[in-house]
Amino acid sequence: MVDGKVTSYRVATETDISKMSLATLTKGTSKIKNITYQTAMLLIEWYDKNHEKYGITID
């Protein structure tokens, strides 16, 4: 998403998080502290399953 290794569409379809929610997070119009617990857990689960596959790290 941010670094171009994976698209927000892919994350949205694999997590059932709306494309709009992901777009507002990546554009910075929505703050990460304002996401729901459910969205946070879905993102964490997706990251745990896919970070090695896509070479994604959290700095």
PDB file of N, CA and C in Angstrom:
ATOM      1  N   MET A   1       0.833  -1.173   0.000  1.00  0.00           N
ATOM      2  CA  MET A   1       0.000   0.000   0.000  1.00  0.00           C
ATOM      3  C   MET A   1       0.882   1.241   0.000  1.00  0.00           C
ATOM      4  N   VAL A   2       1.508   1.561   1.092  1.00  0.00           N
ATOM      5  CA  VAL A   2       2.299   2.784   1.148  1.00  0.00           C
ATOM      6  C   VAL A   2       3.555   2.671   0.310  1.00  0.00           C
ATOM      7  N   ASP A   3       4.251   1.552   0.395  1.00  0.00           N
ATOM      8  CA  ASP A   3       5.507   1.412  -0.337  1.00  0.00           C
ATOM      9  C   ASP A   3       5.348   0.708  -1.681  1.00  0.00           C
ATOM     10  N   GLY A   4       4.140   0.406  -2.091  1.00  0.00           N
ATOM     11  CA  GLY A   4       3.880  -0.177  -3.394  1.00  0.00           C
ATOM     12  C   GLY A   4       4.074  -1.680  -3.497  1.00  0.00           C
ATOM     13  N   LYS A   5       4.350  -2.355  -2.402  1.00  0.00           N
ATOM     14  CA  LYS A   5       4.564  -3.801  -2.447  1.00  0.00           C
ATOM     15  C   LYS A   5       3.254  -4.575  -2.504  1.00  0.00           C
ATOM     16  N   VAL A   6       2.203  -3.985  -2.008  1.00  0.00           N
ATOM     17  CA  VAL A   6       0.892  -4.632  -2.006  1.00  0.00           C
ATOM     18  C   VAL A   6      -0.173  -3.540  -2.155  1.00  0.00           C
ATOM     19  N   THR A   7      -1.251  -3.874  -2.842  1.00  0.00           N
ATOM     20  CA  THR A   7      -2.295  -2.874  -3.068  1.00  0.00           C
ATOM     21  C   THR A   7      -3.330  -2.892  -1.946  1.00  0.00           C
ATOM     22  N   SER A   8      -3.984  -1.759  -1.771  1.00  0.00           N
ATOM     23  CA  SER A   8      -5.055  -1.698  -0.777  1.00  0.00           C
ATOM     24  C   SER A   8      -6.212  -2.594  -1.211  1.00  0.00           C
ATOM     25  N   TYR A   9      -6.392  -2.761  -2.523  1.00  0.00           N
ATOM     26  CA  TYR A   9      -7.431  -3.666  -3.026  1.00  0.00           C
ATOM     27  C   TYR A   9      -7.183  -5.087  -2.523  1.00  0.00           C
ATOM     28  N   ARG A  10      -5.940  -5.539  -2.595  1.00  0.00           N
ATOM     29  CA  ARG A  10      -5.609  -6.895  -2.127  1.00  0.00           C
ATOM     30  C   ARG A  10      -5.909  -7.034  -0.640  1.00  0.00           C
ATOM     31  N   VAL A  11      -5.466  -6.076   0.149  1.00  0.00           N
ATOM     32  CA  VAL A  11      -5.710  -6.141   1.596  1.00  0.00           C
ATOM     33  C   VAL A  11      -7.210  -6.102   1.872  1.00  0.00           C
ATOM     34  N   ALA A  12      -7.927  -5.240   1.170  1.00  0.00           N
ATOM     35  CA  ALA A  12      -9.373  -5.123   1.373  1.00  0.00           C
ATOM     36  C   ALA A  12     -10.088  -6.436   1.072  1.00  0.00           C
ATOM     37  N   THR A  13      -9.745  -7.057  -0.042  1.00  0.00           N
ATOM     38  CA  THR A  13     -10.431  -8.298  -0.412  1.00  0.00           C
ATOM     39  C   THR A  13     -10.051  -9.464   0.492  1.00  0.00           C
ATOM     40  N   GLU A  14      -8.851  -9.455   1.014  1.00  0.00           N
ATOM     41  CA  GLU A  14      -8.413 -10.557   1.870  1.00  0.00           C
ATOM     42  C   GLU A  14      -8.806 -10.374   3.330  1.00  0.00           C
ATOM     43  N   THR A  15      -9.241  -9.175   3.713  1.00  0.00           N
ATOM     44  CA  THR A  15      -9.586  -8.917   5.112  1.00  0.00           C
ATOM     45  C   THR A  15     -11.032  -8.504   5.332  1.00  0.00           C
ATOM     46  N   ASP A  16     -11.745  -8.165   4.281  1.00  0.00           N
ATOM     47  CA  ASP A  16     -13.104  -7.609   4.368  1.00  0.00           C
ATOM     48  C   ASP A  16     -13.123  -6.219   4.996  1.00  0.00           C
ATOM     49  N   ILE A  17     -11.994  -5.525   4.972  1.00  0.00           N
ATOM     50  CA  ILE A  17     -11.951  -4.114   5.349  1.00  0.00           C
ATOM     51  C   ILE A  17     -12.284  -3.329   4.088  1.00  0.00           C
ATOM     52  N   SER A  18     -13.093  -2.297   4.207  1.00  0.00           N
ATOM     53  CA  SER A  18     -13.493  -1.555   3.011  1.00  0.00           C
ATOM     54  C   SER A  18     -12.300  -0.849   2.366  1.00  0.00           C
ATOM     55  N   LYS A  19     -12.358  -0.762   1.040  1.00  0.00           N
ATOM     56  CA  LYS A  19     -11.302  -0.062   0.303  1.00  0.00           C
ATOM     57  C   LYS A  19     -11.230   1.397   0.733  1.00  0.00           C
ATOM     58  N   MET A  20     -12.373   1.990   1.040  1.00  0.00           N
ATOM     59  CA  MET A  20     -12.420   3.384   1.474  1.00  0.00           C
ATOM     60  C   MET A  20     -11.703   3.562   2.809  1.00  0.00           C
ATOM     61  N   SER A  21     -11.899   2.646   3.729  1.00  0.00           N
ATOM     62  CA  SER A  21     -11.217   2.735   5.027  1.00  0.00           C
ATOM     63  C   SER A  21      -9.710   2.658   4.858  1.00  0.00           C
ATOM     64  N   LEU A  22      -9.264   1.743   4.017  1.00  0.00           N
ATOM     65  CA  LEU A  22      -7.826   1.624   3.774  1.00  0.00           C
ATOM     66  C   LEU A  22      -7.279   2.852   3.061  1.00  0.00           C
ATOM     67  N   ALA A  23      -8.049   3.400   2.136  1.00  0.00           N
ATOM     68  CA  ALA A  23      -7.604   4.594   1.407  1.00  0.00           C
ATOM     69  C   ALA A  23      -7.445   5.780   2.349  1.00  0.00           C
ATOM     70  N   THR A  24      -8.382   5.963   3.264  1.00  0.00           N
ATOM     71  CA  THR A  24      -8.268   7.095   4.186  1.00  0.00           C
ATOM     72  C   THR A  24      -7.098   6.926   5.145  1.00  0.00           C
ATOM     73  N   LEU A  25      -6.780   5.696   5.493  1.00  0.00           N
ATOM     74  CA  LEU A  25      -5.616   5.450   6.349  1.00  0.00           C
ATOM     75  C   LEU A  25      -4.318   5.730   5.606  1.00  0.00           C
ATOM     76  N   THR A  26      -4.213   5.246   4.375  1.00  0.00           N
ATOM     77  CA  THR A  26      -2.964   5.430   3.636  1.00  0.00           C
ATOM     78  C   THR A  26      -2.754   6.873   3.212  1.00  0.00           C
ATOM     79  N   LYS A  27      -3.854   7.603   2.970  1.00  0.00           N
ATOM     80  CA  LYS A  27      -3.737   9.020   2.592  1.00  0.00           C
ATOM     81  C   LYS A  27      -3.532   9.921   3.805  1.00  0.00           C
ATOM     82  N   GLY A  28      -3.789   9.392   4.980  1.00  0.00           N
ATOM     83  CA  GLY A  28      -3.614  10.177   6.191  1.00  0.00           C
ATOM     84  C   GLY A  28      -4.823  11.008   6.573  1.00  0.00           C
ATOM     85  N   THR A  29      -5.943  10.832   5.868  1.00  0.00           N
ATOM     86  CA  THR A  29      -7.144  11.583   6.225  1.00  0.00           C
ATOM     87  C   THR A  29      -7.850  10.975   7.433  1.00  0.00           C
ATOM     88  N   SER A  30      -7.500   9.746   7.762  1.00  0.00           N
ATOM     89  CA  SER A  30      -7.999   9.086   8.960  1.00  0.00           C
ATOM     90  C   SER A  30      -6.785   8.656   9.779  1.00  0.00           C
ATOM     91  N   LYS A  31      -6.867   8.836  11.076  1.00  0.00           N
ATOM     92  CA  LYS A  31      -5.735   8.490  11.938  1.00  0.00           C
ATOM     93  C   LYS A  31      -5.846   7.051  12.416  1.00  0.00           C
ATOM     94  N   ILE A  32      -4.706   6.405  12.521  1.00  0.00           N
ATOM     95  CA  ILE A  32      -4.667   5.003  12.945  1.00  0.00           C
ATOM     96  C   ILE A  32      -5.282   4.836  14.337  1.00  0.00           C
ATOM     97  N   LYS A  33      -5.170   5.841  15.183  1.00  0.00           N
ATOM     98  CA  LYS A  33      -5.723   5.728  16.538  1.00  0.00           C
ATOM     99  C   LYS A  33      -7.249   5.700  16.539  1.00  0.00           C
ATOM    100  N   ASN A  34      -7.869   6.050  15.405  1.00  0.00           N
ATOM    101  CA  ASN A  34      -9.328   6.092  15.329  1.00  0.00           C
ATOM    102  C   ASN A  34      -9.955   4.857  14.688  1.00  0.00           C
ATOM    103  N   ILE A  35      -9.151   3.860  14.310  1.00  0.00           N
ATOM    104  CA  ILE A  35      -9.745   2.671  13.705  1.00  0.00           C
ATOM    105  C   ILE A  35     -10.365   1.795  14.784  1.00  0.00           C
ATOM    106  N   THR A  36     -11.285   0.951  14.366  1.00  0.00           N
ATOM    107  CA  THR A  36     -11.941   0.070  15.325  1.00  0.00           C
ATOM    108  C   THR A  36     -11.006  -1.070  15.727  1.00  0.00           C
ATOM    109  N   TYR A  37     -11.332  -1.681  16.830  1.00  0.00           N
ATOM    110  CA  TYR A  37     -10.573  -2.844  17.297  1.00  0.00           C
ATOM    111  C   TYR A  37     -10.622  -3.952  16.249  1.00  0.00           C
ATOM    112  N   GLN A  38     -11.785  -4.163  15.667  1.00  0.00           N
ATOM    113  CA  GLN A  38     -11.945  -5.209  14.660  1.00  0.00           C
ATOM    114  C   GLN A  38     -11.045  -4.951  13.454  1.00  0.00           C
ATOM    115  N   THR A  39     -10.999  -3.717  12.982  1.00  0.00           N
ATOM    116  CA  THR A  39     -10.139  -3.373  11.848  1.00  0.00           C
ATOM    117  C   THR A  39      -8.678  -3.587  12.208  1.00  0.00           C
ATOM    118  N   ALA A  40      -8.301  -3.181  13.405  1.00  0.00           N
ATOM    119  CA  ALA A  40      -6.915  -3.367  13.848  1.00  0.00           C
ATOM    120  C   ALA A  40      -6.549  -4.845  13.870  1.00  0.00           C
ATOM    121  N   MET A  41      -7.425  -5.670  14.393  1.00  0.00           N
ATOM    122  CA  MET A  41      -7.152  -7.103  14.463  1.00  0.00           C
ATOM    123  C   MET A  41      -7.062  -7.727  13.071  1.00  0.00           C
ATOM    124  N   LEU A  42      -7.920  -7.299  12.158  1.00  0.00           N
ATOM    125  CA  LEU A  42      -7.869  -7.822  10.790  1.00  0.00           C
ATOM    126  C   LEU A  42      -6.561  -7.441  10.109  1.00  0.00           C
ATOM    127  N   LEU A  43      -6.109  -6.209  10.328  1.00  0.00           N
ATOM    128  CA  LEU A  43      -4.840  -5.778   9.745  1.00  0.00           C
ATOM    129  C   LEU A  43      -3.659  -6.543  10.349  1.00  0.00           C
ATOM    130  N   ILE A  44      -3.696  -6.756  11.646  1.00  0.00           N
ATOM    131  CA  ILE A  44      -2.631  -7.515  12.311  1.00  0.00           C
ATOM    132  C   ILE A  44      -2.593  -8.948  11.793  1.00  0.00           C
ATOM    133  N   GLU A  45      -3.755  -9.574  11.682  1.00  0.00           N
ATOM    134  CA  GLU A  45      -3.811 -10.945  11.175  1.00  0.00           C
ATOM    135  C   GLU A  45      -3.298 -11.018   9.740  1.00  0.00           C
ATOM    136  N   TRP A  46      -3.698 -10.053   8.903  1.00  0.00           N
ATOM    137  CA  TRP A  46      -3.230 -10.041   7.515  1.00  0.00           C
ATOM    138  C   TRP A  46      -1.714  -9.872   7.476  1.00  0.00           C
ATOM    139  N   TYR A  47      -1.194  -8.961   8.279  1.00  0.00           N
ATOM    140  CA  TYR A  47       0.251  -8.738   8.329  1.00  0.00           C
ATOM    141  C   TYR A  47       0.983 -10.007   8.758  1.00  0.00           C
ATOM    142  N   ASP A  48       0.507 -10.640   9.820  1.00  0.00           N
ATOM    143  CA  ASP A  48       1.159 -11.862  10.313  1.00  0.00           C
ATOM    144  C   ASP A  48       1.217 -12.950   9.241  1.00  0.00           C
ATOM    145  N   LYS A  49       0.174 -13.057   8.442  1.00  0.00           N
ATOM    146  CA  LYS A  49       0.121 -14.085   7.403  1.00  0.00           C
ATOM    147  C   LYS A  49       0.942 -13.729   6.166  1.00  0.00           C
ATOM    148  N   ASN A  50       1.139 -12.440   5.887  1.00  0.00           N
ATOM    149  CA  ASN A  50       1.671 -12.025   4.593  1.00  0.00           C
ATOM    150  C   ASN A  50       2.956 -11.212   4.594  1.00  0.00           C
ATOM    151  N   HIS A  51       3.461 -10.795   5.747  1.00  0.00           N
ATOM    152  CA  HIS A  51       4.604  -9.880   5.725  1.00  0.00           C
ATOM    153  C   HIS A  51       5.845 -10.497   5.082  1.00  0.00           C
ATOM    154  N   GLU A  52       6.080 -11.768   5.300  1.00  0.00           N
ATOM    155  CA  GLU A  52       7.252 -12.404   4.680  1.00  0.00           C
ATOM    156  C   GLU A  52       7.061 -12.557   3.174  1.00  0.00           C
ATOM    157  N   LYS A  53       5.863 -12.909   2.762  1.00  0.00           N
ATOM    158  CA  LYS A  53       5.551 -13.097   1.341  1.00  0.00           C
ATOM    159  C   LYS A  53       5.820 -11.828   0.534  1.00  0.00           C
ATOM    160  N   TYR A  54       5.471 -10.669   1.102  1.00  0.00           N
ATOM    161  CA  TYR A  54       5.612  -9.398   0.395  1.00  0.00           C
ATOM    162  C   TYR A  54       6.828  -8.587   0.839  1.00  0.00           C
ATOM    163  N   GLY A  55       7.578  -9.094   1.798  1.00  0.00           N
ATOM    164  CA  GLY A  55       8.752  -8.371   2.277  1.00  0.00           C
ATOM    165  C   GLY A  55       8.403  -7.070   2.971  1.00  0.00           C
ATOM    166  N   ILE A  56       7.340  -7.102   3.766  1.00  0.00           N
ATOM    167  CA  ILE A  56       6.849  -5.907   4.454  1.00  0.00           C
ATOM    168  C   ILE A  56       7.399  -5.878   5.872  1.00  0.00           C
ATOM    169  N   THR A  57       7.880  -4.720   6.290  1.00  0.00           N
ATOM    170  CA  THR A  57       8.332  -4.536   7.669  1.00  0.00           C
ATOM    171  C   THR A  57       7.652  -3.311   8.261  1.00  0.00           C
ATOM    172  N   ILE A  58       7.550  -3.298   9.564  1.00  0.00           N
ATOM    173  CA  ILE A  58       7.005  -2.142  10.273  1.00  0.00           C
ATOM    174  C   ILE A  58       8.162  -1.441  10.950  1.00  0.00           C
ATOM    175  N   ASP A  59       8.324  -0.182  10.630  1.00  0.00           N
ATOM    176  CA  ASP A  59       9.413   0.606  11.220  1.00  0.00           C
ATOM    177  C   ASP A  59       8.942   1.359  12.430  1.00  0.00           C
TER     178      ASP A  59
END
